[in-house]
Amino acid sequence: MRRRFIKMWEQELAAMIKAAKDAEVEIKKIYQTAFKVEIKADNSPVTLADKTADALIRKELGEAFPDYGMLTEESKDTKDRLSKDNIWIVDPVDGTKEFVAHNGEFTTNIALAHNHQAVVGVINIPMRGVTYYAIKGQGAFRLEKDGTRTPIHVSEKTEGLTVLKSRSFLNDREEELIAKHQDKITKQRTVGAAIKYCEIADGRAEISYRMSSSTKEWDVAAGDVILCEAGGIMAKLDGTKYTYNREDVYNREGYILCNRKENFLI
């Protein structure tokens, strides 16, 4: 039974990585142009890169797995997905503000949720040429642009921690928590988008806070799988986990990312 489970998710993983890398090509093309920035109804920015990558990923995954549902940031949510056992959760360009600022700190996030649990996650960082991925129960990996695959794991540190702060969405509550735990948190770095998950999973930092209710499923689902498979934790402040393919896609209770339970600092 376990072999059949793994084989199934490996097929999905291959399609997810291909879609993310194909989207990278189009995203980079647009990144080098004088693209226009539109403002959506929720006051967030969107560009041609978001729309082009979204359409490409939906097409590739939709054709490969036509029975799966789809939830993406740039497509209308029809709620038909709620009846699906398997659903793609996609943010074609996570960190559009960073894309617009040309600082390179944006990602493409693709997750697969099965019965409301995230089981496969892919985060591609186009401007670094590196992809992080994980299948539930199989560990987490870093894929270099030359094809080299390396297992990754969170650090074992419980002192002298590095916190990753959001480049565009840091708030006072997060700053207060960092200050509260300055006896353990001694270094701070600022980074954009889902790169925070990747760096903690890869042992380059230990903790990150998101105390606002503004993120949605597509911002976190892929990172959730990758970080947890690397030995880390993503949880709400009460320690419980988010489920996915919810009717309300907002992560309204916030969350903490950390390398181990001793560092779940609230």
Protein backbone atom coordinates (compact mmCIF):
# COMPACT_ATOMS: atom_id res chain seq x y z
CA MET A 1 0.00 0.00 0.00
CA ARG A 2 2.80 2.44 0.88
CA ARG A 3 4.59 1.79 -2.44
CA ARG A 4 1.42 2.59 -4.37
CA PHE A 5 0.93 5.81 -2.35
CA ILE A 6 4.47 6.96 -3.10
CA LYS A 7 4.26 6.15 -6.79
CA MET A 8 1.07 8.16 -7.17
CA TRP A 9 2.46 11.28 -5.56
CA GLU A 10 5.72 11.01 -7.48
CA GLN A 11 3.79 11.39 -10.74
CA GLU A 12 2.14 14.51 -9.40
CA LEU A 13 5.46 15.84 -8.12
CA ALA A 14 7.09 15.50 -11.53
CA ALA A 15 4.23 17.44 -13.14
CA MET A 16 4.41 20.13 -10.46
CA ILE A 17 8.15 20.68 -10.89
CA LYS A 18 7.80 20.81 -14.67
CA ALA A 19 4.96 23.34 -14.45
CA ALA A 20 6.92 25.51 -12.02
CA LYS A 21 10.05 25.48 -14.19
CA ASP A 22 8.05 26.16 -17.36
CA ALA A 23 6.41 29.09 -15.56
CA GLU A 24 9.86 30.32 -14.54
CA VAL A 25 10.78 30.82 -18.20
CA GLU A 26 7.76 33.04 -18.82
CA ILE A 27 8.14 34.90 -15.53
CA LYS A 28 11.76 35.78 -16.31
CA LYS A 29 10.84 37.04 -19.77
CA ILE A 30 8.29 39.44 -18.32
CA TYR A 31 10.63 40.43 -15.47
CA GLN A 32 12.97 41.97 -18.05
CA THR A 33 10.25 44.08 -19.66
CA ALA A 34 8.52 47.33 -18.74
CA PHE A 35 5.49 45.46 -17.42
CA LYS A 36 2.41 47.22 -16.09
CA VAL A 37 1.17 46.82 -12.53
CA GLU A 38 -2.57 46.54 -11.86
CA ILE A 39 -4.25 46.75 -8.45
CA LYS A 40 -6.82 44.07 -7.64
CA ALA A 41 -9.99 44.50 -5.61
CA ASP A 42 -8.15 43.46 -2.43
CA ASN A 43 -5.59 46.24 -3.05
CA SER A 44 -2.82 43.77 -3.94
CA PRO A 45 -0.73 44.15 -7.11
CA VAL A 46 -0.87 41.84 -10.13
CA THR A 47 1.19 41.77 -13.32
CA LEU A 48 1.28 39.91 -16.61
CA ALA A 49 3.72 37.48 -14.98
CA ASP A 50 1.10 36.42 -12.41
CA LYS A 51 -1.54 35.92 -15.09
CA THR A 52 0.73 34.15 -17.60
CA ALA A 53 2.21 31.77 -15.04
CA ASP A 54 -1.23 31.04 -13.61
CA ALA A 55 -2.63 30.11 -17.03
CA LEU A 56 0.37 27.93 -17.86
CA ILE A 57 0.28 26.01 -14.58
CA ARG A 58 -3.47 25.52 -14.73
CA LYS A 59 -3.20 24.22 -18.29
CA GLU A 60 -0.36 21.78 -17.60
CA LEU A 61 -1.75 20.36 -14.37
CA GLY A 62 -5.33 20.42 -15.60
CA GLU A 63 -4.44 18.39 -18.69
CA ALA A 64 -2.30 15.91 -16.74
CA PHE A 65 -4.85 15.38 -13.94
CA PRO A 66 -8.27 16.44 -15.25
CA ASP A 67 -10.19 15.09 -12.24
CA TYR A 68 -8.35 17.24 -9.72
CA GLY A 69 -9.71 20.51 -8.41
CA MET A 70 -7.90 23.82 -8.68
CA LEU A 71 -7.45 26.79 -6.35
CA THR A 72 -5.15 29.53 -7.63
CA GLU A 73 -4.64 33.16 -6.68
CA GLU A 74 -5.33 34.53 -10.14
CA SER A 75 -8.40 32.47 -11.09
CA LYS A 76 -12.02 32.68 -10.03
CA ASP A 77 -12.84 30.39 -7.11
CA THR A 78 -16.04 28.60 -8.09
CA LYS A 79 -16.19 26.40 -4.94
CA ASP A 80 -16.55 23.29 -7.12
CA ARG A 81 -13.20 22.31 -5.64
CA LEU A 82 -14.82 21.65 -2.25
CA SER A 83 -16.20 18.35 -3.52
CA LYS A 84 -12.79 17.14 -4.75
CA ASP A 85 -10.52 14.72 -2.88
CA ASN A 86 -7.44 16.11 -4.67
CA ILE A 87 -6.82 19.77 -5.38
CA TRP A 88 -3.97 21.89 -6.71
CA ILE A 89 -3.26 25.01 -4.66
CA VAL A 90 -1.21 27.50 -6.67
CA ASP A 91 0.38 30.91 -6.24
CA PRO A 92 2.01 31.58 -9.61
CA VAL A 93 4.03 34.55 -8.34
CA ASP A 94 4.17 34.71 -4.56
CA GLY A 95 5.66 38.07 -3.68
CA THR A 96 4.36 40.23 -6.49
CA LYS A 97 5.54 43.29 -4.56
CA GLU A 98 9.07 41.85 -4.68
CA PHE A 99 8.67 41.11 -8.40
CA VAL A 100 7.66 44.73 -8.99
CA ALA A 101 10.58 45.96 -6.85
CA HIS A 102 13.00 43.83 -8.90
CA ASN A 103 14.70 42.38 -5.82
CA GLY A 104 14.34 38.76 -6.98
CA GLU A 105 12.63 37.58 -3.79
CA PHE A 106 9.54 35.99 -5.29
CA THR A 107 8.52 32.36 -5.76
CA THR A 108 6.11 30.04 -7.51
CA ASN A 109 4.23 27.85 -5.04
CA ILE A 110 2.39 24.68 -6.04
CA ALA A 111 0.84 22.28 -3.55
CA LEU A 112 -1.34 19.21 -3.81
CA ALA A 113 -3.89 18.66 -1.06
CA HIS A 114 -5.53 15.26 -0.56
CA ASN A 115 -8.60 15.13 1.66
CA HIS A 116 -7.73 18.54 3.11
CA GLN A 117 -4.12 17.64 3.94
CA ALA A 118 -1.18 19.07 1.99
CA VAL A 119 0.74 16.06 0.68
CA VAL A 120 3.10 17.48 -1.97
CA GLY A 121 4.77 20.87 -2.10
CA VAL A 122 6.96 22.65 -4.64
CA ILE A 123 8.47 26.11 -4.22
CA ASN A 124 10.50 27.43 -7.14
CA ILE A 125 12.67 30.53 -6.74
CA PRO A 126 13.08 31.74 -10.34
CA MET A 127 15.89 34.24 -9.83
CA ARG A 128 17.97 31.76 -7.84
CA GLY A 129 17.38 28.84 -10.18
CA VAL A 130 16.57 26.52 -7.29
CA THR A 131 13.48 24.46 -6.44
CA TYR A 132 12.50 23.05 -3.06
CA TYR A 133 10.08 20.14 -2.88
CA ALA A 134 8.67 17.44 -0.63
CA ILE A 135 6.23 14.56 -0.61
CA LYS A 136 4.59 13.80 2.73
CA GLY A 137 6.47 10.99 4.45
CA GLN A 138 9.52 11.15 2.15
CA GLY A 139 11.61 14.08 3.35
CA ALA A 140 12.41 17.41 1.71
CA PHE A 141 14.88 18.23 -1.07
CA ARG A 142 16.61 21.09 -2.85
CA LEU A 143 16.85 20.80 -6.64
CA GLU A 144 19.57 22.89 -8.30
CA LYS A 145 19.30 24.13 -11.87
CA ASP A 146 21.95 21.57 -12.95
CA GLY A 147 19.69 18.76 -11.71
CA THR A 148 21.53 18.07 -8.45
CA ARG A 149 19.13 16.94 -5.72
CA THR A 150 20.11 17.33 -2.07
CA PRO A 151 18.14 16.23 1.01
CA ILE A 152 17.56 19.14 3.37
CA HIS A 153 16.86 19.36 7.10
CA VAL A 154 16.20 22.10 9.60
CA SER A 155 18.96 23.18 11.95
CA GLU A 156 19.21 21.74 15.46
CA LYS A 157 19.77 25.15 17.08
CA THR A 158 17.82 26.14 20.20
CA GLU A 159 19.90 29.24 21.00
CA GLY A 160 21.31 32.04 18.87
CA LEU A 161 18.36 31.79 16.53
CA THR A 162 17.89 33.65 13.26
CA VAL A 163 14.42 35.06 12.61
CA LEU A 164 13.19 35.80 9.10
CA LYS A 165 11.00 38.88 8.83
CA SER A 166 8.66 39.64 5.94
CA ARG A 167 10.07 42.23 3.58
CA SER A 168 6.66 43.72 2.74
CA PHE A 169 4.22 42.70 5.49
CA LEU A 170 6.00 42.94 8.87
CA ASN A 171 3.70 44.20 11.64
CA ASP A 172 4.00 45.40 15.23
CA ARG A 173 2.85 42.12 16.79
CA GLU A 174 5.65 40.26 15.02
CA GLU A 175 8.21 42.83 16.12
CA GLU A 176 6.95 42.50 19.70
CA LEU A 177 7.37 38.72 19.65
CA ILE A 178 10.89 39.01 18.27
CA ALA A 179 11.78 41.51 21.02
CA LYS A 180 10.14 39.32 23.67
CA HIS A 181 12.41 36.41 22.77
CA GLN A 182 15.63 38.31 22.16
CA ASP A 183 17.37 36.06 24.67
CA LYS A 184 17.10 33.28 22.07
CA ILE A 185 16.64 35.24 18.83
CA THR A 186 19.95 36.99 18.18
CA LYS A 187 19.92 37.53 14.42
CA GLN A 188 17.35 39.04 12.10
CA ARG A 189 17.06 38.92 8.32
CA THR A 190 14.41 40.24 5.95
CA VAL A 191 13.22 38.13 3.03
CA GLY A 192 10.28 38.01 0.64
CA ALA A 193 7.54 35.50 -0.18
CA ALA A 194 7.77 31.76 0.58
CA ILE A 195 11.57 31.87 0.63
CA LYS A 196 11.16 31.89 4.43
CA TYR A 197 9.94 28.29 4.38
CA CYS A 198 12.84 27.21 2.19
CA GLU A 199 15.53 28.84 4.28
CA ILE A 200 14.25 27.41 7.55
CA ALA A 201 13.82 23.98 5.95
CA ASP A 202 17.39 24.23 4.62
CA GLY A 203 18.84 25.05 8.05
CA ARG A 204 19.70 28.69 7.23
CA ALA A 205 17.32 30.23 9.80
CA GLU A 206 15.14 28.97 12.63
CA ILE A 207 11.94 30.98 13.06
CA SER A 208 9.46 33.29 11.32
CA TYR A 209 6.21 34.86 12.46
CA ARG A 210 3.06 35.80 10.56
CA MET A 211 0.59 37.37 12.96
CA SER A 212 -1.77 38.90 10.42
CA SER A 213 -4.79 37.32 8.74
CA SER A 214 -3.89 38.41 5.20
CA THR A 215 -2.26 35.25 3.83
CA LYS A 216 -4.27 32.60 2.00
CA GLU A 217 -3.93 28.89 1.34
CA TRP A 218 -1.78 29.35 -1.77
CA ASP A 219 0.77 31.35 0.23
CA VAL A 220 1.48 28.53 2.68
CA ALA A 221 0.39 25.05 1.54
CA ALA A 222 3.54 24.16 -0.41
CA GLY A 223 5.81 25.56 2.28
CA ASP A 224 3.92 23.67 4.97
CA VAL A 225 4.79 20.31 3.38
CA ILE A 226 8.41 21.24 2.67
CA LEU A 227 9.14 22.63 6.13
CA CYS A 228 7.48 19.77 8.00
CA GLU A 229 9.20 17.13 5.87
CA ALA A 230 12.51 18.85 6.65
CA GLY A 231 11.78 18.31 10.35
CA GLY A 232 10.28 21.72 11.12
CA ILE A 233 6.94 23.05 12.26
CA MET A 234 4.24 25.27 10.81
CA ALA A 235 1.32 25.83 13.16
CA LYS A 236 -1.18 28.32 14.48
CA LEU A 237 -0.39 29.99 17.81
CA ASP A 238 -2.33 27.26 19.65
CA GLY A 239 -0.17 24.58 18.02
CA THR A 240 -2.83 23.22 15.68
CA LYS A 241 -2.33 22.78 11.95
CA TYR A 242 -4.15 24.37 9.04
CA THR A 243 -6.17 22.15 6.75
CA TYR A 244 -6.50 22.95 3.05
CA ASN A 245 -9.23 23.24 0.45
CA ARG A 246 -11.34 25.22 2.91
CA GLU A 247 -14.32 27.36 1.94
CA ASP A 248 -12.60 30.33 3.60
CA VAL A 249 -9.10 30.40 2.11
CA TYR A 250 -7.67 33.01 4.52
CA ASN A 251 -5.23 31.90 7.22
CA ARG A 252 -7.00 34.08 9.73
CA GLU A 253 -5.21 32.90 12.88
CA GLY A 254 -1.69 33.56 11.67
CA TYR A 255 1.13 31.06 12.16
CA ILE A 256 4.66 30.40 13.31
CA LEU A 257 7.37 28.65 11.31
CA CYS A 258 10.23 27.13 13.30
CA ASN A 259 12.86 24.42 13.20
CA ARG A 260 11.80 22.49 16.31
CA LYS A 261 9.20 22.49 19.09
CA GLU A 262 11.56 24.13 21.61
CA ASN A 263 11.56 27.19 19.35
CA PHE A 264 7.81 27.55 19.04
CA LEU A 265 8.07 30.89 20.82
CA ILE A 266 4.89 32.84 21.54
